[in-house]
C-alpha cells in the first residue's frame, strides 16, 4: 500500500531508527520522512566534527538523539545531548548542532 504522508520508510515493519540513515565520512546525511506545512520529520547522521551552523526556524524543533552525542546551542547556551535524550529548540530562537562524535538524531519540527 502506498503511504502518501510518510516517505523513505517502510510501513507496517519494525525498524531501528539508527539503521535508516548511514554515517558518511566528513558529511551530514539527512533522510526526510515527512514534510508538510504542519510538521517536518527528518533523520540525520553527522560525522565527528560536522555541524549545522547557527540558524532559526519558524517552528519548534525537537531533537531526539538516537546514537552518539551532540552539542546543541540554543540562544547562545550550549547543551550536551546524548543517545536517548531530547531537547526542544524553540521557534525563532537561533540554534546550531555540532557533532562531538559521530551521532544520529531525529528532528521533528512542528509549525
N, C-alpha and C. Protein backbone atom coordinates (compact mmCIF):
# COMPACT_ATOMS: atom_id res chain seq x y z
N UNK A 1 0.84 -1.19 0.00
CA UNK A 1 0.00 0.00 0.00
C UNK A 1 0.88 1.24 0.00
N UNK A 2 0.59 2.21 -0.82
CA UNK A 2 1.36 3.43 -0.92
C UNK A 2 0.94 4.40 0.19
N UNK A 3 1.89 4.77 1.02
CA UNK A 3 1.63 5.71 2.10
C UNK A 3 1.93 7.11 1.59
N UNK A 4 0.94 7.97 1.50
CA UNK A 4 1.12 9.29 0.91
C UNK A 4 1.62 10.34 1.91
N UNK A 5 1.64 10.03 3.19
CA UNK A 5 2.08 11.01 4.19
C UNK A 5 3.57 10.84 4.49
N UNK A 6 3.97 9.62 4.82
CA UNK A 6 5.37 9.36 5.12
C UNK A 6 6.06 8.83 3.88
N UNK A 7 7.38 9.12 3.79
CA UNK A 7 8.17 8.64 2.67
C UNK A 7 9.52 8.16 3.18
N UNK A 8 10.22 7.43 2.34
CA UNK A 8 11.58 6.95 2.64
C UNK A 8 11.64 6.03 3.86
N UNK A 9 10.52 5.40 4.20
CA UNK A 9 10.48 4.45 5.30
C UNK A 9 9.36 3.44 5.02
N UNK A 10 9.65 2.18 5.25
CA UNK A 10 8.63 1.15 5.06
C UNK A 10 7.61 1.23 6.19
N UNK A 11 6.37 0.98 5.86
CA UNK A 11 5.33 0.96 6.87
C UNK A 11 5.03 -0.49 7.28
N UNK A 12 4.37 -0.64 8.40
CA UNK A 12 3.99 -1.96 8.94
C UNK A 12 5.21 -2.87 9.05
N UNK A 13 6.32 -2.31 9.51
CA UNK A 13 7.57 -3.06 9.67
C UNK A 13 8.34 -2.48 10.86
N UNK A 14 8.77 -3.34 11.78
CA UNK A 14 9.58 -2.90 12.91
C UNK A 14 10.98 -2.58 12.39
N UNK A 15 11.47 -1.39 12.76
CA UNK A 15 12.78 -0.95 12.27
C UNK A 15 13.52 -0.21 13.38
N UNK A 16 14.84 -0.22 13.31
CA UNK A 16 15.68 0.57 14.21
C UNK A 16 16.00 1.89 13.52
N UNK A 17 15.67 3.00 14.17
CA UNK A 17 15.94 4.31 13.56
C UNK A 17 17.41 4.47 13.18
N UNK A 18 18.30 3.93 13.99
CA UNK A 18 19.73 4.09 13.71
C UNK A 18 20.14 3.42 12.40
N UNK A 19 19.36 2.44 11.94
CA UNK A 19 19.68 1.75 10.69
C UNK A 19 19.17 2.48 9.45
N UNK A 20 18.35 3.50 9.63
CA UNK A 20 17.69 4.15 8.50
C UNK A 20 18.49 5.27 7.87
N UNK A 21 19.56 5.70 8.52
CA UNK A 21 20.44 6.72 7.96
C UNK A 21 21.88 6.33 8.30
N UNK A 22 22.75 6.32 7.28
CA UNK A 22 24.12 5.83 7.44
C UNK A 22 25.11 6.98 7.69
N UNK A 23 26.19 6.66 8.38
CA UNK A 23 27.29 7.61 8.51
C UNK A 23 28.07 7.67 7.21
N UNK A 24 28.55 8.87 6.86
CA UNK A 24 29.45 9.04 5.74
C UNK A 24 30.58 9.96 6.18
N UNK A 25 31.81 9.58 5.85
CA UNK A 25 32.99 10.34 6.27
C UNK A 25 32.88 11.80 5.86
N UNK A 26 33.06 12.69 6.84
CA UNK A 26 33.10 14.12 6.60
C UNK A 26 31.80 14.74 6.13
N UNK A 27 30.67 14.08 6.41
CA UNK A 27 29.41 14.59 5.88
C UNK A 27 28.28 14.60 6.92
N UNK A 28 27.30 15.42 6.61
CA UNK A 28 26.00 15.39 7.28
C UNK A 28 25.05 14.74 6.28
N UNK A 29 24.36 13.70 6.71
CA UNK A 29 23.42 12.99 5.85
C UNK A 29 22.02 13.15 6.44
N UNK A 30 21.04 13.40 5.59
CA UNK A 30 19.66 13.52 6.08
C UNK A 30 18.73 12.67 5.24
N UNK A 31 17.65 12.23 5.88
CA UNK A 31 16.60 11.47 5.20
C UNK A 31 15.27 12.01 5.70
N UNK A 32 14.52 12.65 4.81
CA UNK A 32 13.23 13.22 5.16
C UNK A 32 12.17 12.12 5.18
N UNK A 33 11.42 12.06 6.28
CA UNK A 33 10.34 11.09 6.41
C UNK A 33 8.96 11.73 6.21
N UNK A 34 8.82 12.99 6.64
CA UNK A 34 7.57 13.75 6.46
C UNK A 34 7.95 15.20 6.23
N UNK A 35 7.27 15.84 5.27
CA UNK A 35 7.45 17.28 5.05
C UNK A 35 6.12 17.83 4.57
N UNK A 36 5.48 18.63 5.41
CA UNK A 36 4.23 19.29 5.02
C UNK A 36 4.12 20.60 5.80
N UNK A 37 3.10 21.40 5.56
CA UNK A 37 3.01 22.71 6.23
C UNK A 37 2.92 22.64 7.76
N UNK A 38 2.58 21.48 8.32
CA UNK A 38 2.39 21.36 9.76
C UNK A 38 3.56 20.73 10.49
N UNK A 39 4.26 19.80 9.84
CA UNK A 39 5.32 19.06 10.51
C UNK A 39 6.39 18.62 9.51
N UNK A 40 7.61 18.55 10.03
CA UNK A 40 8.74 18.01 9.28
C UNK A 40 9.41 16.98 10.18
N UNK A 41 9.70 15.80 9.63
CA UNK A 41 10.35 14.73 10.39
C UNK A 41 11.52 14.24 9.56
N UNK A 42 12.74 14.41 10.10
CA UNK A 42 13.94 14.09 9.35
C UNK A 42 14.93 13.35 10.23
N UNK A 43 15.57 12.32 9.67
CA UNK A 43 16.67 11.63 10.34
C UNK A 43 17.98 12.22 9.83
N UNK A 44 18.92 12.41 10.75
CA UNK A 44 20.24 12.94 10.40
C UNK A 44 21.34 12.05 10.93
N UNK A 45 22.45 11.98 10.20
CA UNK A 45 23.70 11.44 10.74
C UNK A 45 24.78 12.47 10.48
N UNK A 46 25.63 12.67 11.48
CA UNK A 46 26.75 13.61 11.39
C UNK A 46 28.03 12.83 11.65
N UNK A 47 29.04 13.03 10.82
CA UNK A 47 30.35 12.51 11.14
C UNK A 47 30.93 13.41 12.23
N UNK A 48 31.88 12.89 12.99
CA UNK A 48 32.53 13.67 14.06
C UNK A 48 33.05 14.99 13.50
N UNK A 49 32.73 16.09 14.20
CA UNK A 49 33.21 17.40 13.82
C UNK A 49 32.32 18.15 12.83
N UNK A 50 31.30 17.49 12.31
CA UNK A 50 30.39 18.16 11.38
C UNK A 50 29.37 18.99 12.16
N UNK A 51 28.80 19.98 11.48
CA UNK A 51 27.84 20.85 12.17
C UNK A 51 26.85 21.47 11.22
N UNK A 52 25.76 21.94 11.78
CA UNK A 52 24.83 22.84 11.11
C UNK A 52 24.97 24.15 11.86
N UNK A 53 25.42 25.18 11.15
CA UNK A 53 25.72 26.45 11.80
C UNK A 53 24.44 27.14 12.28
N UNK A 54 24.63 28.20 13.03
CA UNK A 54 23.52 28.92 13.67
C UNK A 54 22.49 29.41 12.65
N UNK A 55 21.24 29.09 12.94
CA UNK A 55 20.10 29.48 12.11
C UNK A 55 18.87 29.47 13.00
N UNK A 56 17.72 29.83 12.46
CA UNK A 56 16.48 29.73 13.22
C UNK A 56 15.41 29.11 12.34
N UNK A 57 14.30 28.72 12.98
CA UNK A 57 13.20 28.05 12.30
C UNK A 57 11.89 28.71 12.72
N UNK A 58 10.90 28.62 11.85
CA UNK A 58 9.58 29.17 12.18
C UNK A 58 8.76 28.21 13.05
N UNK A 59 9.29 26.99 13.29
CA UNK A 59 8.59 26.03 14.14
C UNK A 59 9.44 25.60 15.32
N UNK A 60 8.79 25.02 16.32
CA UNK A 60 9.53 24.41 17.43
C UNK A 60 10.18 23.13 16.89
N UNK A 61 11.46 22.96 17.19
CA UNK A 61 12.23 21.84 16.65
C UNK A 61 12.72 20.95 17.79
N UNK A 62 12.28 19.69 17.80
CA UNK A 62 12.70 18.75 18.82
C UNK A 62 13.74 17.79 18.25
N UNK A 63 14.89 17.75 18.91
CA UNK A 63 15.97 16.83 18.55
C UNK A 63 15.92 15.65 19.52
N UNK A 64 15.88 14.43 18.96
CA UNK A 64 15.96 13.22 19.76
C UNK A 64 17.19 12.47 19.28
N UNK A 65 18.23 12.42 20.12
CA UNK A 65 19.49 11.78 19.74
C UNK A 65 19.32 10.26 19.85
N UNK A 66 19.64 9.56 18.75
CA UNK A 66 19.47 8.11 18.72
C UNK A 66 20.80 7.37 18.74
N UNK A 67 21.93 8.09 18.52
CA UNK A 67 23.25 7.48 18.59
C UNK A 67 24.27 8.59 18.81
N UNK A 68 25.25 8.34 19.68
CA UNK A 68 26.30 9.32 19.89
C UNK A 68 25.88 10.46 20.79
N UNK A 69 26.49 11.63 20.54
CA UNK A 69 26.25 12.81 21.38
C UNK A 69 26.37 14.07 20.55
N UNK A 70 25.50 15.03 20.82
CA UNK A 70 25.50 16.31 20.12
C UNK A 70 25.72 17.45 21.10
N UNK A 71 26.36 18.50 20.59
CA UNK A 71 26.39 19.78 21.31
C UNK A 71 25.40 20.68 20.59
N UNK A 72 24.36 21.07 21.29
CA UNK A 72 23.31 21.89 20.70
C UNK A 72 23.32 23.24 21.38
N UNK A 73 23.40 24.28 20.57
CA UNK A 73 23.41 25.65 21.07
C UNK A 73 22.05 26.28 20.78
N UNK A 74 21.43 26.82 21.82
CA UNK A 74 20.13 27.49 21.69
C UNK A 74 20.27 28.87 22.31
N UNK A 75 20.12 29.90 21.49
CA UNK A 75 20.21 31.26 22.00
C UNK A 75 21.51 31.53 22.73
N UNK A 76 22.61 30.93 22.28
CA UNK A 76 23.93 31.14 22.87
C UNK A 76 24.28 30.19 24.00
N UNK A 77 23.31 29.42 24.52
CA UNK A 77 23.58 28.46 25.59
C UNK A 77 23.82 27.07 25.00
N UNK A 78 24.91 26.41 25.46
CA UNK A 78 25.28 25.09 24.94
C UNK A 78 24.73 23.97 25.82
N UNK A 79 24.24 22.91 25.15
CA UNK A 79 23.70 21.73 25.83
C UNK A 79 24.33 20.49 25.21
N UNK A 80 24.74 19.53 26.05
CA UNK A 80 25.21 18.24 25.57
C UNK A 80 24.04 17.27 25.66
N UNK A 81 23.69 16.68 24.52
CA UNK A 81 22.54 15.78 24.44
C UNK A 81 23.04 14.45 23.89
N UNK A 82 22.82 13.38 24.67
CA UNK A 82 23.34 12.07 24.26
C UNK A 82 22.21 11.12 23.89
N UNK A 83 22.58 9.98 23.32
CA UNK A 83 21.61 8.99 22.85
C UNK A 83 20.56 8.74 23.93
N UNK A 84 19.30 8.77 23.51
CA UNK A 84 18.18 8.56 24.42
C UNK A 84 17.63 9.84 25.02
N UNK A 85 18.29 10.97 24.75
CA UNK A 85 17.85 12.24 25.30
C UNK A 85 17.30 13.14 24.19
N UNK A 86 16.52 14.14 24.61
CA UNK A 86 15.89 15.06 23.65
C UNK A 86 15.99 16.48 24.18
N UNK A 87 15.87 17.44 23.26
CA UNK A 87 15.81 18.85 23.62
C UNK A 87 14.97 19.56 22.56
N UNK A 88 14.24 20.60 22.98
CA UNK A 88 13.44 21.37 22.05
C UNK A 88 14.10 22.73 21.82
N UNK A 89 14.28 23.05 20.55
CA UNK A 89 14.82 24.35 20.14
C UNK A 89 13.60 25.20 19.75
N UNK A 90 13.28 26.22 20.57
CA UNK A 90 12.06 27.00 20.32
C UNK A 90 12.10 27.76 19.00
N UNK A 91 10.92 27.94 18.41
CA UNK A 91 10.78 28.70 17.17
C UNK A 91 11.40 30.09 17.32
N UNK A 92 12.03 30.53 16.24
CA UNK A 92 12.59 31.88 16.10
C UNK A 92 13.82 32.15 16.98
N UNK A 93 14.29 31.16 17.75
CA UNK A 93 15.49 31.33 18.57
C UNK A 93 16.67 30.72 17.81
N UNK A 94 17.75 31.48 17.59
CA UNK A 94 18.89 30.92 16.86
C UNK A 94 19.44 29.67 17.55
N UNK A 95 19.77 28.66 16.74
CA UNK A 95 20.31 27.41 17.29
C UNK A 95 21.29 26.79 16.29
N UNK A 96 22.12 25.87 16.81
CA UNK A 96 23.12 25.18 16.00
C UNK A 96 23.32 23.78 16.56
N UNK A 97 23.84 22.88 15.71
CA UNK A 97 24.10 21.49 16.11
C UNK A 97 25.52 21.13 15.71
N UNK A 98 26.28 20.57 16.65
CA UNK A 98 27.67 20.17 16.41
C UNK A 98 27.87 18.74 16.91
N UNK A 99 28.53 17.92 16.10
CA UNK A 99 28.78 16.52 16.46
C UNK A 99 30.14 16.39 17.15
N UNK A 100 30.11 16.19 18.47
CA UNK A 100 31.34 15.98 19.24
C UNK A 100 31.95 14.63 18.90
N UNK A 101 31.12 13.72 18.43
CA UNK A 101 31.50 12.39 17.96
C UNK A 101 30.46 12.04 16.90
N UNK A 102 30.65 10.93 16.20
CA UNK A 102 29.60 10.54 15.25
C UNK A 102 28.28 10.47 16.00
N UNK A 103 27.23 10.99 15.37
CA UNK A 103 25.93 10.94 16.05
C UNK A 103 24.81 10.96 15.03
N UNK A 104 23.66 10.44 15.48
CA UNK A 104 22.44 10.42 14.68
C UNK A 104 21.31 10.97 15.54
N UNK A 105 20.39 11.68 14.88
CA UNK A 105 19.23 12.16 15.61
C UNK A 105 18.02 12.26 14.69
N UNK A 106 16.86 12.27 15.33
CA UNK A 106 15.61 12.51 14.62
C UNK A 106 15.16 13.92 14.97
N UNK A 107 14.88 14.71 13.94
CA UNK A 107 14.44 16.07 14.11
C UNK A 107 12.96 16.17 13.75
N UNK A 108 12.16 16.64 14.71
CA UNK A 108 10.74 16.87 14.48
C UNK A 108 10.50 18.38 14.62
N UNK A 109 10.01 18.99 13.55
CA UNK A 109 9.68 20.42 13.60
C UNK A 109 8.18 20.56 13.43
N UNK A 110 7.56 21.24 14.40
CA UNK A 110 6.12 21.47 14.37
C UNK A 110 5.88 22.95 14.11
N UNK A 111 5.12 23.23 13.05
CA UNK A 111 4.86 24.63 12.64
C UNK A 111 3.49 25.08 13.11
